[in-house]
Amino acid sequence: MTIQNENTALPPKTCTIERLVTVKEDVKKVLNGEKTATRRNGRYADIGEVMTLDGRDFVVERVYSQSLGELTDEHAKQEGYATVEEYKNSILSYHPNMPWLPQMRVWVHEFRAVQN
C-alpha cells in the first residue's frame, strides 16, 4: 500500500472535522465501534483533532492519502462494511454520478474513541 503524506507535512484542510462523519448510519457505526475510519475526497481533520458525535469524543490518529485501487476488505471493515464491493456500492448510492476510478485518491481519516 502506498501511503502518501503520512510522514510529511499535510496540505491544508479542505473542510472541518464536524463534516467528517455526518450520515446517520455512519454515525451509528462509529458509536458502536464498527467504523474506525472515513475516506473523503478532501482532508477534513488534523492528527490529534477531536470529533464529537452524540456527546462522545473520537480522536483522529492517522491522516493519509490512498487510491481507491488500493482498498482491501480490511479497509472496508474500517468503514463498517464487510467487503470493498459493499463499501463501493454504498458510496456510489450517495454519489450516483461519481466515477469509481482505481487511480482516484482519497484522504483516509482513522480515529478511535477517547476514554473519559
Protein backbone atom coordinates (compact mmCIF):
# COMPACT_ATOMS: atom_id res chain seq x y z
CA MET A 1 0.00 0.00 0.00
CA THR A 2 1.26 3.47 -0.83
CA ILE A 3 0.65 5.89 1.98
CA GLN A 4 1.49 9.38 0.87
CA ASN A 5 1.97 12.38 3.15
CA GLU A 6 1.97 10.34 6.37
CA ASN A 7 5.49 11.38 7.33
CA THR A 8 5.49 14.76 5.65
CA ALA A 9 3.53 17.94 6.19
CA LEU A 10 -0.12 17.55 5.30
CA PRO A 11 -1.75 20.04 2.94
CA PRO A 12 -4.33 22.45 4.35
CA LYS A 13 -7.71 21.03 5.32
CA THR A 14 -10.47 21.40 2.74
CA CYS A 15 -13.32 21.09 5.25
CA THR A 16 -13.90 20.90 9.01
CA ILE A 17 -13.93 17.88 11.30
CA GLU A 18 -17.62 18.49 12.05
CA ARG A 19 -18.36 17.34 8.48
CA LEU A 20 -16.18 14.20 8.68
CA VAL A 21 -18.96 11.77 9.66
CA THR A 22 -22.49 13.05 9.06
CA VAL A 23 -24.60 10.22 7.60
CA LYS A 24 -26.82 8.79 10.37
CA GLU A 25 -25.93 5.17 9.56
CA ASP A 26 -22.21 6.04 9.71
CA VAL A 27 -22.59 7.93 13.00
CA LYS A 28 -24.28 4.85 14.46
CA LYS A 29 -21.43 2.63 13.21
CA VAL A 30 -18.84 4.92 14.82
CA LEU A 31 -20.72 4.98 18.12
CA ASN A 32 -20.98 1.16 18.06
CA GLY A 33 -17.26 0.75 17.30
CA GLU A 34 -17.95 -0.71 13.85
CA LYS A 35 -16.43 2.22 11.92
CA THR A 36 -12.91 3.44 12.73
CA ALA A 37 -12.04 5.31 9.54
CA THR A 38 -13.60 7.59 6.96
CA ARG A 39 -12.40 8.21 3.43
CA ARG A 40 -13.18 11.59 1.90
CA ASN A 41 -12.19 13.40 -1.27
CA GLY A 42 -10.65 16.15 0.85
CA ARG A 43 -8.80 16.47 4.13
CA TYR A 44 -11.25 17.17 6.97
CA ALA A 45 -9.12 16.74 10.10
CA ASP A 46 -5.65 17.02 11.55
CA ILE A 47 -3.97 14.27 13.55
CA GLY A 48 -4.94 14.75 17.20
CA GLU A 49 -8.12 16.63 16.38
CA VAL A 50 -11.26 15.51 18.22
CA MET A 51 -14.59 14.71 16.58
CA THR A 52 -17.67 14.70 18.83
CA LEU A 53 -20.67 12.54 17.90
CA ASP A 54 -23.70 12.38 20.20
CA GLY A 55 -21.59 13.65 23.11
CA ARG A 56 -18.81 11.09 22.62
CA ASP A 57 -15.30 12.07 21.55
CA PHE A 58 -13.14 10.38 18.92
CA VAL A 59 -9.54 11.40 18.27
CA VAL A 60 -8.04 11.31 14.79
CA GLU A 61 -4.90 9.16 14.89
CA ARG A 62 -3.84 8.97 11.25
CA VAL A 63 -4.50 11.01 8.11
CA TYR A 64 -3.10 9.89 4.76
CA SER A 65 -3.83 9.68 1.06
CA GLN A 66 -4.82 6.39 -0.58
CA SER A 67 -6.03 5.39 -4.05
CA LEU A 68 -9.37 3.62 -4.46
CA GLY A 69 -7.50 0.82 -6.22
CA GLU A 70 -5.55 0.10 -3.02
CA LEU A 71 -8.68 -0.60 -0.96
CA THR A 72 -8.90 -4.05 0.58
CA ASP A 73 -11.66 -5.78 2.51
CA GLU A 74 -9.77 -4.83 5.69
CA HIS A 75 -10.09 -1.16 4.72
CA ALA A 76 -13.80 -1.71 4.04
CA LYS A 77 -14.14 -3.17 7.54
CA GLN A 78 -12.64 0.05 8.96
CA GLU A 79 -15.53 1.79 7.21
CA GLY A 80 -18.10 -0.59 8.68
CA TYR A 81 -18.62 -2.79 5.60
CA ALA A 82 -17.80 -6.46 5.00
CA THR A 83 -16.18 -6.02 1.57
CA VAL A 84 -14.81 -3.38 -0.77
CA GLU A 85 -17.71 -4.05 -3.13
CA GLU A 86 -20.24 -3.37 -0.35
CA TYR A 87 -18.41 -0.15 0.59
CA LYS A 88 -18.20 0.91 -3.08
CA ASN A 89 -21.94 0.33 -3.60
CA SER A 90 -22.73 2.42 -0.54
CA ILE A 91 -20.53 5.32 -1.63
CA LEU A 92 -21.94 5.28 -5.16
CA SER A 93 -25.50 5.30 -3.76
CA TYR A 94 -24.68 8.66 -2.08
CA HIS A 95 -22.84 9.98 -5.15
CA PRO A 96 -24.55 8.36 -8.18
CA ASN A 97 -22.59 10.33 -10.81
CA MET A 98 -19.20 9.77 -9.17
CA PRO A 99 -16.87 7.52 -11.12
CA TRP A 100 -15.06 4.81 -9.14
CA LEU A 101 -11.59 5.04 -10.63
CA PRO A 102 -8.75 2.92 -9.18
CA GLN A 103 -6.32 5.83 -9.51
CA MET A 104 -8.64 8.31 -7.73
CA ARG A 105 -7.09 9.37 -4.43
CA VAL A 106 -8.99 9.92 -1.22
CA TRP A 107 -8.00 11.08 2.26
CA VAL A 108 -8.18 8.45 4.98
CA HIS A 109 -9.00 9.66 8.49
CA GLU A 110 -8.51 6.93 11.13
CA PHE A 111 -9.89 7.57 14.61
CA ARG A 112 -10.58 5.92 17.94
CA ALA A 113 -12.88 6.57 20.86
CA VAL A 114 -11.49 8.73 23.64
CA GLN A 115 -11.85 7.05 27.02
CA ASN A 116 -13.28 9.53 29.52
